[in-house]
Amino acid sequence: MTLVSGWGRFPVVDTDLVRPRSFPAVGEAFAGASGVARGNGRAYGDAGIGLARTVDMTAFDRVRSFDPDTGRIRLEAGMLLSDIIDTFGPRGFLPFVVPGTRFVTVGGAIAADVHGKNHHCEGGFGRYVDGILLRTGQGETIELSRDENADVFRATVGGMGLTGVILEATMRLRRVETGWIRERVIPAANLRDAVTALDGGDSSTYSVAWIDCVATGENLGRSLIYLGEHARADELPADAAPFSRGRDPRLSVPVDLPSLTLNRYSVRAFNELYYRMGARRAGGSHLVSIFPYFFPLDGVGAWNRIYGRRGFLQHQCVIPQTGAREVLGEILERIARRGDASFLAVLKKLGEGDGLMSFPLPGYTLALDFPMTPSILPFLDELDRLVVAAGGRLYLAKDARQSRATFEAGYPALQRFNGIRRSLDPDGKIRSRLSQRLLDEVRP
């Protein structure tokens, strides 16, 4: 048995961790034990940990085919987005959608239907997936698409790996001229101005807001909004390379930092400095490499150690657009009074989700990290009640502790999803710690 956790390092549990190197070996890994496939371990909570066995899919990282005329690619599900970017970026192709880290597998990105800074206008990762090769809990390998096994396809996109093991995927890449983003920074004095700026950025391909979650009073929710577009080749300086490979982190956190490192005073000081530096860049546009624009935290290795050995929890919710400003304001007020939220607070605008269990819905998503402490759990339960009352929900890829009641209230397609899951896996072979906590039948 091996102690395994998600990126948040909570919970840490024992599991039989195996790493097959052939598709037949994947099937053998599920013989006699219930489990789930795991990508690169970047889900924050317990979604990538099997109930009894966890099947590491990172050995499956080959490209099967690529069509440069269409940008259509078929690849194994263990391939990292970073490898796609490094390999095909210089050829003029990038993924349509990327999350906040490039170190996730294609299978994981499909299972979570990850969203990026462009969901408001271009949707999530699953929208650009045309086909999936899935191994079910019964041992059957089936092809999925919007036309073939369409109900299973929609359940697999955003299904957190619970319909089976994603072996391969066919997806479309975006044609681009450069690996640069033309960025515009808009300071917002408070939450009202931040939401107005995000709404005003609907025509931008990319938009995201960093929020100062310890600001109070008239500055509650003060933000920096980052709008972006892919830069054309003729917009680059003469000495700028059109594409570059992603670098390994220049900095790394070598040890778990003391729990007192992140406190009301250190976070307030950091946020003040960050806001002032960002505000200086307002006005006009600036060229930024895709790596700091899309993946700012990837520049720091093992950054999850900042929160200490107890780890951290992320609370990421989405609130429907109607009434969102009031609900988000209440959430931020409670967080500011508490005083221990981190410097990682992000607000984005979302559109419709594509999978049965996809997280996005039209509205605003707020993501905040909290150091793991005994008092944080009841506090997050308070925030959950605000989210549920507003008709929102929590992101399963970031969750480690929400209740069944919160989950069931937020995902109206749950009954349909469970029916598809049972038809594919009547013996319950595909089970994760997350599914045991939120979906599986409660057994004595």
Protein backbone atom coordinates (compact mmCIF):
# COMPACT_ATOMS: atom_id res chain seq x y z
CA MET A 1 0.00 0.00 0.00
CA THR A 2 1.08 3.55 -0.74
CA LEU A 3 0.12 6.84 0.88
CA VAL A 4 -1.40 9.05 -1.83
CA SER A 5 -3.04 12.46 -1.90
CA GLY A 6 -4.18 15.01 -4.44
CA TRP A 7 -2.40 18.29 -5.08
CA GLY A 8 -3.96 19.84 -1.98
CA ARG A 9 -2.31 17.11 0.13
CA PHE A 10 -5.57 16.44 1.97
CA PRO A 11 -6.74 13.80 2.51
CA VAL A 12 -3.79 11.41 2.52
CA VAL A 13 -4.93 7.79 2.23
CA ASP A 14 -3.56 4.30 1.69
CA THR A 15 -4.12 2.79 -1.74
CA ASP A 16 -2.69 0.02 -3.87
CA LEU A 17 -0.93 2.16 -6.49
CA VAL A 18 -0.10 0.41 -9.77
CA ARG A 19 1.37 1.73 -13.02
CA PRO A 20 0.47 -0.49 -15.98
CA ARG A 21 2.38 -0.17 -19.24
CA SER A 22 -0.05 -1.78 -21.68
CA PHE A 23 -3.79 -1.55 -22.21
CA PRO A 24 -4.30 -5.23 -21.29
CA ALA A 25 -2.44 -4.52 -18.04
CA VAL A 26 -4.95 -1.75 -17.30
CA GLY A 27 -7.70 -4.35 -17.34
CA GLU A 28 -5.69 -6.65 -15.11
CA ALA A 29 -5.21 -3.81 -12.62
CA PHE A 30 -8.94 -3.78 -11.95
CA ALA A 31 -9.19 -7.54 -11.41
CA GLY A 32 -10.25 -8.23 -7.85
CA ALA A 33 -10.22 -4.61 -6.66
CA SER A 34 -12.34 -1.50 -7.09
CA GLY A 35 -10.41 1.53 -8.20
CA VAL A 36 -10.05 4.49 -10.49
CA ALA A 37 -7.60 5.78 -13.08
CA ARG A 38 -5.24 8.57 -12.03
CA GLY A 39 -3.43 11.03 -14.25
CA ASN A 40 -0.68 13.31 -12.95
CA GLY A 41 -2.28 13.79 -9.54
CA ARG A 42 -3.34 17.42 -10.04
CA ALA A 43 -6.92 17.01 -8.84
CA TYR A 44 -6.81 18.77 -5.49
CA GLY A 45 -8.79 16.33 -3.35
CA ASP A 46 -9.69 12.64 -3.54
CA ALA A 47 -11.01 12.32 -7.11
CA GLY A 48 -7.83 10.61 -8.36
CA ILE A 49 -7.55 8.07 -5.55
CA GLY A 50 -9.15 4.64 -5.98
CA LEU A 51 -11.24 3.06 -3.28
CA ALA A 52 -8.89 0.07 -3.09
CA ARG A 53 -6.57 0.45 -6.08
CA THR A 54 -5.31 3.49 -7.96
CA VAL A 55 -4.20 2.99 -11.56
CA ASP A 56 -1.52 5.48 -12.65
CA MET A 57 -1.98 6.17 -16.39
CA THR A 58 1.06 8.38 -16.99
CA ALA A 59 2.94 5.67 -18.92
CA PHE A 60 0.45 6.08 -21.78
CA ASP A 61 1.84 9.24 -23.36
CA ARG A 62 2.14 8.60 -27.09
CA VAL A 63 0.65 10.45 -30.05
CA ARG A 64 -1.20 8.05 -32.36
CA SER A 65 -1.84 10.43 -35.26
CA PHE A 66 -1.90 14.12 -36.15
CA ASP A 67 -3.40 15.92 -39.13
CA PRO A 68 -1.66 19.29 -39.68
CA ASP A 69 -4.40 20.41 -42.07
CA THR A 70 -7.14 20.18 -39.44
CA GLY A 71 -5.24 20.18 -36.14
CA ARG A 72 -6.94 16.89 -35.24
CA ILE A 73 -4.86 14.68 -32.96
CA ARG A 74 -5.35 11.21 -31.50
CA LEU A 75 -3.27 10.44 -28.43
CA GLU A 76 -3.06 8.30 -25.34
CA ALA A 77 -4.79 9.66 -22.28
CA GLY A 78 -1.67 9.85 -20.11
CA MET A 79 -0.05 12.52 -22.24
CA LEU A 80 0.49 15.84 -20.45
CA LEU A 81 -0.80 19.10 -21.85
CA SER A 82 2.74 20.43 -21.41
CA ASP A 83 4.00 17.85 -23.91
CA ILE A 84 1.29 18.80 -26.41
CA ILE A 85 2.22 22.47 -26.07
CA ASP A 86 5.97 21.87 -26.38
CA THR A 87 5.60 19.51 -29.33
CA PHE A 88 2.90 21.19 -31.38
CA GLY A 89 3.27 24.85 -30.32
CA PRO A 90 6.28 25.35 -32.63
CA ARG A 91 4.13 23.88 -35.42
CA GLY A 92 1.44 26.48 -34.80
CA PHE A 93 -1.04 24.50 -32.69
CA LEU A 94 -2.15 24.77 -29.07
CA PRO A 95 -5.00 23.22 -27.05
CA PHE A 96 -8.21 25.23 -27.26
CA VAL A 97 -8.65 25.08 -23.49
CA VAL A 98 -6.09 24.83 -20.70
CA PRO A 99 -6.55 24.95 -16.91
CA GLY A 100 -4.24 26.81 -14.51
CA THR A 101 -1.48 24.21 -14.84
CA ARG A 102 -0.05 22.52 -17.91
CA PHE A 103 0.94 19.45 -15.89
CA VAL A 104 -2.36 17.60 -16.29
CA THR A 105 -3.03 14.61 -18.48
CA VAL A 106 -5.47 14.58 -21.37
CA GLY A 107 -7.50 11.90 -19.60
CA GLY A 108 -7.68 14.01 -16.46
CA ALA A 109 -8.64 17.11 -18.46
CA ILE A 110 -11.53 15.20 -20.05
CA ALA A 111 -12.64 13.60 -16.80
CA ALA A 112 -12.82 17.00 -15.09
CA ASP A 113 -13.91 18.84 -18.26
CA VAL A 114 -11.41 21.47 -17.25
CA HIS A 115 -12.13 25.09 -18.04
CA GLY A 116 -9.80 27.97 -18.72
CA LYS A 117 -9.90 31.72 -19.09
CA ASN A 118 -12.01 31.43 -22.26
CA HIS A 119 -14.99 29.42 -21.05
CA HIS A 120 -17.33 32.40 -21.32
CA CYS A 121 -16.96 32.38 -25.11
CA GLU A 122 -15.36 29.06 -26.15
CA GLY A 123 -16.46 26.49 -23.59
CA GLY A 124 -14.53 23.78 -21.81
CA PHE A 125 -12.00 21.11 -22.72
CA GLY A 126 -14.64 18.54 -23.63
CA ARG A 127 -16.07 20.73 -26.39
CA TYR A 128 -12.93 20.05 -28.45
CA VAL A 129 -12.85 16.30 -27.87
CA ASP A 130 -14.31 14.36 -30.78
CA GLY A 131 -13.73 10.79 -29.63
CA ILE A 132 -12.81 8.75 -26.57
CA LEU A 133 -11.63 5.15 -26.22
CA LEU A 134 -13.04 3.95 -22.90
CA ARG A 135 -12.52 0.76 -20.91
CA THR A 136 -15.59 0.12 -18.79
CA GLY A 137 -15.82 -1.59 -15.41
CA GLN A 138 -17.10 -4.70 -17.19
CA GLY A 139 -13.87 -4.92 -19.17
CA GLU A 140 -15.37 -3.80 -22.47
CA THR A 141 -13.48 -1.28 -24.62
CA ILE A 142 -15.81 1.06 -26.50
CA GLU A 143 -15.50 4.08 -28.77
CA LEU A 144 -17.40 7.20 -27.74
CA SER A 145 -18.32 10.30 -29.70
CA ARG A 146 -21.22 12.67 -30.02
CA ASP A 147 -22.75 10.24 -32.52
CA GLU A 148 -21.60 6.87 -31.13
CA ASN A 149 -22.53 5.99 -27.54
CA ALA A 150 -23.39 9.67 -27.18
CA ASP A 151 -24.93 9.35 -23.72
CA VAL A 152 -21.77 7.69 -22.38
CA PHE A 153 -19.65 10.35 -24.11
CA ARG A 154 -21.52 13.13 -22.28
CA ALA A 155 -21.25 11.25 -19.00
CA THR A 156 -17.51 10.71 -19.46
CA VAL A 157 -16.78 14.38 -20.18
CA GLY A 158 -16.78 15.81 -16.65
CA GLY A 159 -17.56 12.40 -15.13
CA MET A 160 -14.42 12.35 -12.94
CA GLY A 161 -13.26 9.02 -14.34
CA LEU A 162 -16.29 7.15 -12.99
CA THR A 163 -17.63 5.82 -16.30
CA GLY A 164 -14.41 3.89 -16.89
CA VAL A 165 -10.76 4.34 -17.84
CA ILE A 166 -10.06 6.79 -20.65
CA LEU A 167 -7.41 5.11 -22.79
CA GLU A 168 -7.20 7.39 -25.82
CA ALA A 169 -8.80 10.57 -27.09
CA THR A 170 -9.23 12.37 -30.39
CA MET A 171 -9.31 16.14 -30.06
CA ARG A 172 -8.88 19.36 -32.03
CA LEU A 173 -6.05 21.83 -31.54
CA ARG A 174 -6.20 25.57 -32.20
CA ARG A 175 -4.09 27.04 -34.98
CA VAL A 176 -2.05 30.03 -33.73
CA GLU A 177 0.71 32.17 -35.16
CA THR A 178 2.72 32.61 -31.97
CA GLY A 179 3.11 31.45 -28.40
CA TRP A 180 2.39 34.94 -27.07
CA ILE A 181 -0.67 36.66 -25.61
CA ARG A 182 -1.55 40.31 -26.08
CA GLU A 183 -2.63 41.18 -22.54
CA ARG A 184 -4.53 44.16 -21.13
CA VAL A 185 -4.72 44.81 -17.36
CA ILE A 186 -7.72 46.57 -15.80
CA PRO A 187 -7.61 47.49 -12.10
CA ALA A 188 -10.95 47.30 -10.29
CA ALA A 189 -11.42 49.13 -6.99
CA ASN A 190 -14.06 46.69 -5.70
CA LEU A 191 -16.19 43.67 -6.59
CA ARG A 192 -18.79 45.75 -8.43
CA ASP A 193 -16.13 47.17 -10.73
CA ALA A 194 -14.54 43.73 -11.17
CA VAL A 195 -17.80 42.14 -12.33
CA THR A 196 -18.45 45.11 -14.63
CA ALA A 197 -14.98 44.71 -16.14
CA LEU A 198 -15.46 40.97 -16.67
CA ASP A 199 -18.83 41.62 -18.32
CA GLY A 200 -17.18 44.25 -20.48
CA GLY A 201 -14.58 41.69 -21.53
CA ASP A 202 -17.11 39.29 -23.04
CA SER A 203 -15.69 39.94 -26.49
CA SER A 204 -12.16 39.05 -25.34
CA THR A 205 -11.02 35.48 -25.92
CA TYR A 206 -9.48 35.28 -22.44
CA SER A 207 -10.51 37.00 -19.24
CA VAL A 208 -9.74 36.37 -15.58
CA ALA A 209 -9.61 38.41 -12.38
CA TRP A 210 -7.23 38.11 -9.45
CA ILE A 211 -9.05 39.20 -6.28
CA ASP A 212 -7.60 40.64 -3.11
CA CYS A 213 -9.62 38.50 -0.72
CA VAL A 214 -8.52 40.32 2.43
CA ALA A 215 -9.57 43.80 1.27
CA THR A 216 -12.56 45.18 3.18
CA GLY A 217 -14.98 48.08 3.19
CA GLU A 218 -15.12 50.09 -0.03
CA ASN A 219 -12.28 47.96 -1.40
CA LEU A 220 -14.03 44.63 -0.86
CA GLY A 221 -13.20 42.47 -3.85
CA ARG A 222 -10.67 44.83 -5.42
CA SER A 223 -9.16 43.08 -8.39
CA LEU A 224 -6.91 43.02 -11.37
CA ILE A 225 -8.66 41.85 -14.55
CA TYR A 226 -6.49 40.32 -17.26
CA LEU A 227 -7.88 40.25 -20.81
CA GLY A 228 -5.99 38.46 -23.54
CA GLU A 229 -5.81 37.58 -27.22
CA HIS A 230 -3.39 35.40 -29.17
CA ALA A 231 -0.72 37.63 -30.66
CA ARG A 232 -0.06 37.61 -34.39
CA ALA A 233 3.44 37.13 -35.77
CA ASP A 234 3.56 40.71 -37.04
CA GLU A 235 2.92 42.00 -33.50
CA LEU A 236 6.12 40.52 -32.05
CA PRO A 237 9.38 42.43 -31.69
CA ALA A 238 11.99 41.46 -34.26
CA ASP A 239 14.12 39.67 -31.66
CA ALA A 240 11.25 37.64 -30.12
CA ALA A 241 11.02 33.93 -30.90
CA PRO A 242 7.49 33.02 -32.06
CA PHE A 243 7.46 29.95 -29.80
CA SER A 244 9.46 28.64 -26.90
CA ARG A 245 9.30 25.52 -24.80
CA GLY A 246 7.99 25.65 -21.27
CA ARG A 247 10.81 25.93 -18.77
CA ASP A 248 11.23 23.92 -15.64
CA PRO A 249 10.36 26.01 -12.55
CA ARG A 250 13.12 28.46 -11.71
CA LEU A 251 12.08 28.41 -8.08
CA SER A 252 10.90 25.53 -5.94
CA VAL A 253 9.62 25.12 -2.41
CA PRO A 254 12.05 22.53 -1.00
CA VAL A 255 10.28 21.84 2.31
CA ASP A 256 6.89 22.26 3.93
CA LEU A 257 6.70 25.82 5.21
CA PRO A 258 5.60 26.48 8.81
CA SER A 259 1.86 26.92 9.19
CA LEU A 260 2.35 30.50 10.42
CA THR A 261 3.92 31.57 7.11
CA LEU A 262 0.52 32.37 5.63
CA ASN A 263 -1.31 34.66 7.99
CA ARG A 264 -3.46 37.76 7.91
CA TYR A 265 -0.43 40.04 7.80
CA SER A 266 1.69 38.21 5.23
CA VAL A 267 -1.25 37.75 2.85
CA ARG A 268 -2.30 41.39 3.25
CA ALA A 269 1.24 42.59 2.50
CA PHE A 270 1.56 40.33 -0.54
CA ASN A 271 -1.83 41.37 -1.92
CA GLU A 272 -1.07 45.05 -1.50
CA LEU A 273 2.20 44.69 -3.40
CA TYR A 274 0.65 42.50 -6.10
CA TYR A 275 -2.23 44.92 -6.68
CA ARG A 276 0.04 47.96 -6.92
CA MET A 277 2.41 46.23 -9.33
CA GLY A 278 -0.48 45.07 -11.51
CA ALA A 279 -2.15 48.48 -11.51
CA ARG A 280 1.04 50.03 -12.90
CA ARG A 281 0.62 47.91 -16.03
CA ALA A 282 -2.86 49.25 -16.74
CA GLY A 283 -3.43 51.10 -19.98
CA GLY A 284 -2.47 49.73 -23.36
CA SER A 285 -1.55 46.12 -24.04
CA HIS A 286 1.54 44.06 -23.31
CA LEU A 287 2.98 40.89 -24.86
CA VAL A 288 3.18 37.99 -22.42
CA SER A 289 4.33 34.45 -23.10
CA ILE A 290 1.60 31.83 -22.89
CA PHE A 291 3.35 30.20 -19.94
CA PRO A 292 3.06 33.00 -17.34
CA TYR A 293 -0.32 34.03 -18.75
CA PHE A 294 -1.99 30.62 -18.56
CA PHE A 295 0.17 28.87 -15.95
CA PRO A 296 1.56 31.40 -13.46
CA LEU A 297 1.91 28.89 -10.61
CA ASP A 298 3.87 26.44 -12.76
CA GLY A 299 6.80 28.80 -12.35
CA VAL A 300 7.18 27.66 -8.74
CA GLY A 301 7.91 23.98 -8.20
CA ALA A 302 5.98 22.18 -5.45
CA TRP A 303 4.12 25.38 -4.57
CA ASN A 304 1.57 23.34 -2.61
CA ARG A 305 4.21 23.07 0.15
CA ILE A 306 3.63 26.74 0.93
CA TYR A 307 0.63 25.64 3.00
CA GLY A 308 2.62 23.32 5.25
CA ARG A 309 2.44 19.60 5.82
CA ARG A 310 -1.30 19.65 6.62
CA GLY A 311 -2.01 20.83 3.09
CA PHE A 312 -4.78 23.10 1.88
CA LEU A 313 -8.35 23.10 0.64
CA GLN A 314 -9.63 24.94 -2.37
CA HIS A 315 -13.20 26.16 -2.41
CA GLN A 316 -14.24 26.74 -6.02
CA CYS A 317 -17.87 27.51 -6.62
CA VAL A 318 -19.91 28.80 -9.52
CA ILE A 319 -22.82 31.17 -8.88
CA PRO A 320 -25.52 31.77 -11.52
CA GLN A 321 -25.31 35.20 -13.09
CA THR A 322 -28.54 36.51 -11.58
CA GLY A 323 -27.75 37.72 -8.08
CA ALA A 324 -24.11 36.62 -8.30
CA ARG A 325 -22.68 39.95 -7.22
CA GLU A 326 -24.53 39.90 -3.90
CA VAL A 327 -23.64 36.29 -3.13
CA LEU A 328 -19.99 36.74 -4.08
CA GLY A 329 -19.88 39.86 -1.95
CA GLU A 330 -21.22 37.94 1.06
CA ILE A 331 -18.65 35.19 0.53
CA LEU A 332 -15.80 37.70 0.28
CA GLU A 333 -16.98 39.57 3.38
CA ARG A 334 -16.94 36.37 5.43
CA ILE A 335 -13.51 35.45 4.10
CA ALA A 336 -12.09 38.90 4.83
CA ARG A 337 -13.41 38.75 8.40
CA ARG A 338 -11.81 35.36 8.89
CA GLY A 339 -8.51 36.66 7.58
CA ASP A 340 -6.67 33.46 6.58
CA ALA A 341 -7.52 33.08 2.91
CA SER A 342 -4.52 32.84 0.63
CA PHE A 343 -3.18 35.12 -2.06
CA LEU A 344 -4.61 32.70 -4.65
CA ALA A 345 -8.10 34.04 -5.34
CA VAL A 346 -9.48 33.95 -8.86
CA LEU A 347 -12.77 35.11 -10.41
CA LYS A 348 -13.82 34.06 -13.91
CA LYS A 349 -16.94 34.13 -16.03
CA LEU A 350 -18.32 30.82 -17.28
CA GLY A 351 -20.79 29.64 -19.89
CA GLU A 352 -22.74 26.40 -20.31
CA GLY A 353 -21.03 23.10 -19.49
CA ASP A 354 -20.86 20.30 -22.07
CA GLY A 355 -20.94 17.11 -19.98
CA LEU A 356 -23.68 15.76 -17.74
CA MET A 357 -21.55 16.45 -14.67
CA SER A 358 -19.50 19.36 -15.96
CA PHE A 359 -18.93 22.06 -13.38
CA PRO A 360 -19.58 25.24 -15.41
CA LEU A 361 -22.91 26.99 -15.71
CA PRO A 362 -23.59 30.56 -16.90
CA GLY A 363 -22.28 32.76 -14.12
CA TYR A 364 -19.14 33.49 -12.14
CA THR A 365 -16.70 31.09 -10.57
CA LEU A 366 -14.69 32.06 -7.50
CA ALA A 367 -11.72 29.93 -6.43
CA LEU A 368 -9.90 30.42 -3.12
CA ASP A 369 -7.29 28.39 -1.26
CA PHE A 370 -7.30 27.96 2.51
CA PRO A 371 -4.66 26.36 4.75
CA MET A 372 -5.99 23.15 6.29
CA THR A 373 -6.99 23.83 9.89
CA PRO A 374 -9.64 22.28 12.14
CA SER A 375 -11.77 25.42 11.98
CA ILE A 376 -11.79 25.68 8.19
CA LEU A 377 -14.21 22.78 7.65
CA PRO A 378 -17.25 24.32 9.39
CA PHE A 379 -16.42 27.67 7.78
CA LEU A 380 -16.50 26.12 4.30
CA ASP A 381 -19.81 24.48 5.18
CA GLU A 382 -21.13 28.01 5.74
CA LEU A 383 -19.95 29.06 2.29
CA ASP A 384 -21.52 25.92 0.80
CA ARG A 385 -24.90 26.94 2.16
CA LEU A 386 -24.62 30.31 0.43
CA VAL A 387 -23.68 28.58 -2.84
CA VAL A 388 -26.57 26.10 -2.66
CA ALA A 389 -29.10 28.81 -1.80
CA ALA A 390 -27.98 30.74 -4.89
CA GLY A 391 -28.37 27.69 -7.17
CA GLY A 392 -24.64 27.14 -7.56
CA ARG A 393 -22.28 24.21 -7.10
CA LEU A 394 -18.71 23.20 -6.29
CA TYR A 395 -16.01 21.95 -8.65
CA LEU A 396 -15.38 18.24 -8.12
CA ALA A 397 -11.78 18.40 -9.37
CA LYS A 398 -10.93 20.78 -6.52
CA ASP A 399 -13.15 19.27 -3.82
CA ALA A 400 -12.04 17.22 -0.81
CA ARG A 401 -14.81 17.75 1.73
CA GLN A 402 -18.23 18.88 0.50
CA SER A 403 -21.25 16.97 1.80
CA ARG A 404 -23.56 14.74 -0.21
CA ALA A 405 -26.37 17.22 0.34
CA THR A 406 -24.32 20.06 -1.17
CA PHE A 407 -23.27 17.89 -4.08
CA GLU A 408 -26.75 16.56 -4.84
CA ALA A 409 -28.23 20.06 -4.72
CA GLY A 410 -25.77 21.33 -7.29
CA TYR A 411 -25.80 18.60 -9.94
CA PRO A 412 -29.34 18.04 -11.29
CA ALA A 413 -28.16 15.43 -13.84
CA LEU A 414 -26.89 13.15 -11.07
CA GLN A 415 -29.67 10.56 -11.38
CA ARG A 416 -29.14 10.24 -15.12
CA PHE A 417 -25.37 10.00 -14.63
CA ASN A 418 -25.75 7.26 -12.03
CA GLY A 419 -27.99 5.29 -14.38
CA ILE A 420 -25.37 5.39 -17.14
CA ARG A 421 -22.65 4.50 -14.67
CA ARG A 422 -24.57 1.45 -13.41
CA SER A 423 -25.22 0.24 -16.98
CA LEU A 424 -21.49 0.34 -17.70
CA ASP A 425 -20.33 -1.03 -14.36
CA PRO A 426 -23.03 -3.03 -12.53
CA ASP A 427 -20.48 -4.61 -10.17
CA GLY A 428 -19.02 -1.28 -9.04
CA LYS A 429 -15.44 -1.83 -10.20
CA ILE A 430 -14.81 1.85 -10.95
CA ARG A 431 -14.87 3.62 -7.60
CA SER A 432 -12.86 6.48 -6.16
CA ARG A 433 -12.63 8.04 -2.74
CA LEU A 434 -14.68 10.91 -4.14
CA SER A 435 -17.39 8.58 -5.43
CA GLN A 436 -17.52 6.78 -2.08
CA ARG A 437 -17.96 10.13 -0.35
CA LEU A 438 -20.55 11.63 -2.69
CA LEU A 439 -22.12 9.14 -5.11
CA ASP A 440 -21.87 5.50 -4.14
CA GLU A 441 -24.61 3.66 -2.31
CA VAL A 442 -24.10 3.95 1.43
CA ARG A 443 -23.33 0.48 2.74
CA PRO A 444 -23.36 -0.66 6.37
